Amino acid sequence: MSVYVTDTHPLIWYASGKHGQLSKKVLAAFQAAWRGKTLIYVPVFVLWEIAMLLKVRCIALREPYGDWVEHLIAQRGFDLAPTDTRTITEAYAYPFPDPFDSVITATAKVMDLPLITKDETISDSQLVDIYW
């Protein structure tokens, strides 16, 4: 089974039905996760960033946030990524101006998994394997 960590924007695009924003292989990975054939770890900081974007009305979901989170994590192909002191220590060393980018990238690094992201700053850093 393929296993990944997701960044915020791919999860938002998938959840909001903006599948055209995703590469074909990333869309296939999300669809496989929805069927329980792939595992995508969701860092808690991704969920927090989504909550903040909803609060300032930058994005919209098809259902209330709390229901959406519960439904997402209830799917066999999605799980919360662990966040521990090792992850935070790793993130602390990263040069990203966005703290979400630091923790999300560190999560993939500590878990030794590819990160689903289109973020060029993260990709250019070469800190983790990118899946796009």
Protein backbone atom coordinates (compact mmCIF):
# COMPACT_ATOMS: atom_id res chain seq x y z
CA MET A 1 0.00 0.00 0.00
CA SER A 2 1.26 3.48 -0.86
CA VAL A 3 1.53 5.90 2.07
CA TYR A 4 1.86 9.70 1.97
CA VAL A 5 1.60 12.85 4.06
CA THR A 6 -0.55 15.64 2.63
CA ASP A 7 0.00 19.36 2.59
CA THR A 8 -2.97 21.65 3.12
CA HIS A 9 -3.76 22.80 -0.41
CA PRO A 10 -4.08 19.34 -2.02
CA LEU A 11 -6.49 18.24 0.70
CA ILE A 12 -8.54 21.42 0.29
CA TRP A 13 -8.65 20.99 -3.49
CA TYR A 14 -9.72 17.38 -3.18
CA ALA A 15 -12.31 18.03 -0.45
CA SER A 16 -13.82 21.03 -2.24
CA GLY A 17 -14.11 19.21 -5.56
CA LYS A 18 -11.41 21.23 -7.32
CA HIS A 19 -9.87 18.08 -8.72
CA GLY A 20 -8.50 19.89 -11.78
CA GLN A 21 -5.99 21.64 -9.48
CA LEU A 22 -4.44 18.27 -8.63
CA SER A 23 -2.05 16.30 -10.79
CA LYS A 24 -3.51 13.08 -12.17
CA LYS A 25 -1.41 10.92 -9.88
CA VAL A 26 -2.28 12.97 -6.77
CA LEU A 27 -5.98 12.80 -7.64
CA ALA A 28 -5.60 9.02 -8.07
CA ALA A 29 -3.90 8.80 -4.65
CA PHE A 30 -6.74 10.71 -2.94
CA GLN A 31 -9.35 8.57 -4.70
CA ALA A 32 -7.49 5.41 -3.68
CA ALA A 33 -7.34 6.66 -0.08
CA TRP A 34 -11.08 7.28 -0.14
CA ARG A 35 -11.50 3.61 -1.15
CA GLY A 36 -9.05 2.48 1.57
CA LYS A 37 -6.40 1.37 -0.94
CA THR A 38 -3.82 4.06 -0.05
CA LEU A 39 -3.06 5.75 3.27
CA ILE A 40 -2.72 9.52 3.46
CA TYR A 41 -1.60 10.95 6.78
CA VAL A 42 -3.05 14.34 7.62
CA PRO A 43 -0.92 16.45 9.97
CA VAL A 44 -3.00 18.12 12.68
CA PHE A 45 -1.47 21.41 11.51
CA VAL A 46 -3.14 20.86 8.11
CA LEU A 47 -6.47 20.62 9.90
CA TRP A 48 -5.68 23.77 11.91
CA GLU A 49 -4.68 25.68 8.76
CA ILE A 50 -7.93 24.62 7.06
CA ALA A 51 -9.89 25.81 10.11
CA MET A 52 -8.13 29.19 9.96
CA LEU A 53 -8.79 29.54 6.22
CA LEU A 54 -12.47 28.75 6.80
CA LYS A 55 -12.65 31.28 9.60
CA VAL A 56 -11.43 34.10 7.37
CA ARG A 57 -13.60 32.83 4.51
CA CYS A 58 -10.72 32.05 2.13
CA ILE A 59 -12.13 28.59 1.45
CA ALA A 60 -15.40 26.70 1.76
CA LEU A 61 -16.22 23.09 2.44
CA ARG A 62 -19.35 21.18 1.48
CA GLU A 63 -20.27 20.55 5.13
CA PRO A 64 -19.55 22.11 8.52
CA TYR A 65 -15.90 21.85 9.53
CA GLY A 66 -16.43 19.52 12.51
CA ASP A 67 -18.48 17.10 10.43
CA TRP A 68 -15.97 17.27 7.60
CA VAL A 69 -13.02 16.43 9.89
CA GLU A 70 -14.88 13.52 11.48
CA HIS A 71 -15.89 12.11 8.08
CA LEU A 72 -12.36 12.49 6.72
CA ILE A 73 -10.63 10.72 9.59
CA ALA A 74 -13.33 8.01 9.65
CA GLN A 75 -12.25 6.98 6.14
CA ARG A 76 -9.92 3.95 6.12
CA GLY A 77 -7.43 5.69 3.83
CA PHE A 78 -6.92 8.78 5.99
CA ASP A 79 -5.35 9.06 9.42
CA LEU A 80 -3.92 11.77 11.66
CA ALA A 81 -0.15 12.05 11.51
CA PRO A 82 1.56 11.97 14.87
CA THR A 83 3.08 15.23 16.07
CA ASP A 84 5.71 14.93 18.76
CA THR A 85 8.73 16.82 20.04
CA ARG A 86 10.93 15.28 17.33
CA THR A 87 8.65 16.74 14.65
CA ILE A 88 8.58 20.17 16.28
CA THR A 89 12.37 20.14 16.75
CA GLU A 90 12.80 19.23 13.08
CA ALA A 91 10.37 21.99 12.04
CA TYR A 92 12.21 24.53 14.18
CA ALA A 93 15.31 24.09 12.03
CA TYR A 94 13.54 24.70 8.72
CA PRO A 95 13.90 28.03 6.91
CA PHE A 96 10.28 28.47 5.82
CA PRO A 97 8.58 31.76 6.71
CA ASP A 98 5.26 29.90 7.03
CA PRO A 99 5.19 27.85 10.26
CA PHE A 100 2.59 25.51 8.75
CA ASP A 101 5.03 24.64 5.94
CA SER A 102 7.71 23.89 8.52
CA VAL A 103 5.62 21.51 10.62
CA ILE A 104 3.96 19.80 7.65
CA THR A 105 7.34 19.23 5.96
CA ALA A 106 8.88 18.04 9.22
CA THR A 107 6.02 15.57 9.65
CA ALA A 108 6.81 13.99 6.27
CA LYS A 109 10.55 14.01 7.08
CA VAL A 110 10.18 12.37 10.50
CA MET A 111 7.74 9.79 9.13
CA ASP A 112 10.08 9.23 6.13
CA LEU A 113 7.17 9.56 3.70
CA PRO A 114 6.64 11.56 0.51
CA LEU A 115 4.74 14.82 0.89
CA ILE A 116 1.83 15.54 -1.42
CA THR A 117 2.38 19.19 -2.29
CA LYS A 118 2.65 21.60 -5.18
CA ASP A 119 4.33 24.22 -2.97
CA GLU A 120 7.49 25.31 -4.79
CA THR A 121 9.17 26.58 -1.63
CA ILE A 122 8.87 23.14 -0.07
CA SER A 123 9.83 21.36 -3.30
CA ASP A 124 12.84 23.59 -3.86
CA SER A 125 14.09 22.95 -0.32
CA GLN A 126 14.67 19.26 -1.16
CA LEU A 127 14.05 18.42 2.49
CA VAL A 128 11.57 15.65 1.66
CA ASP A 129 10.45 13.57 -1.28
CA ILE A 130 7.61 15.27 -3.11
CA TYR A 131 4.67 13.46 -4.63
CA TRP A 132 3.00 15.52 -7.32
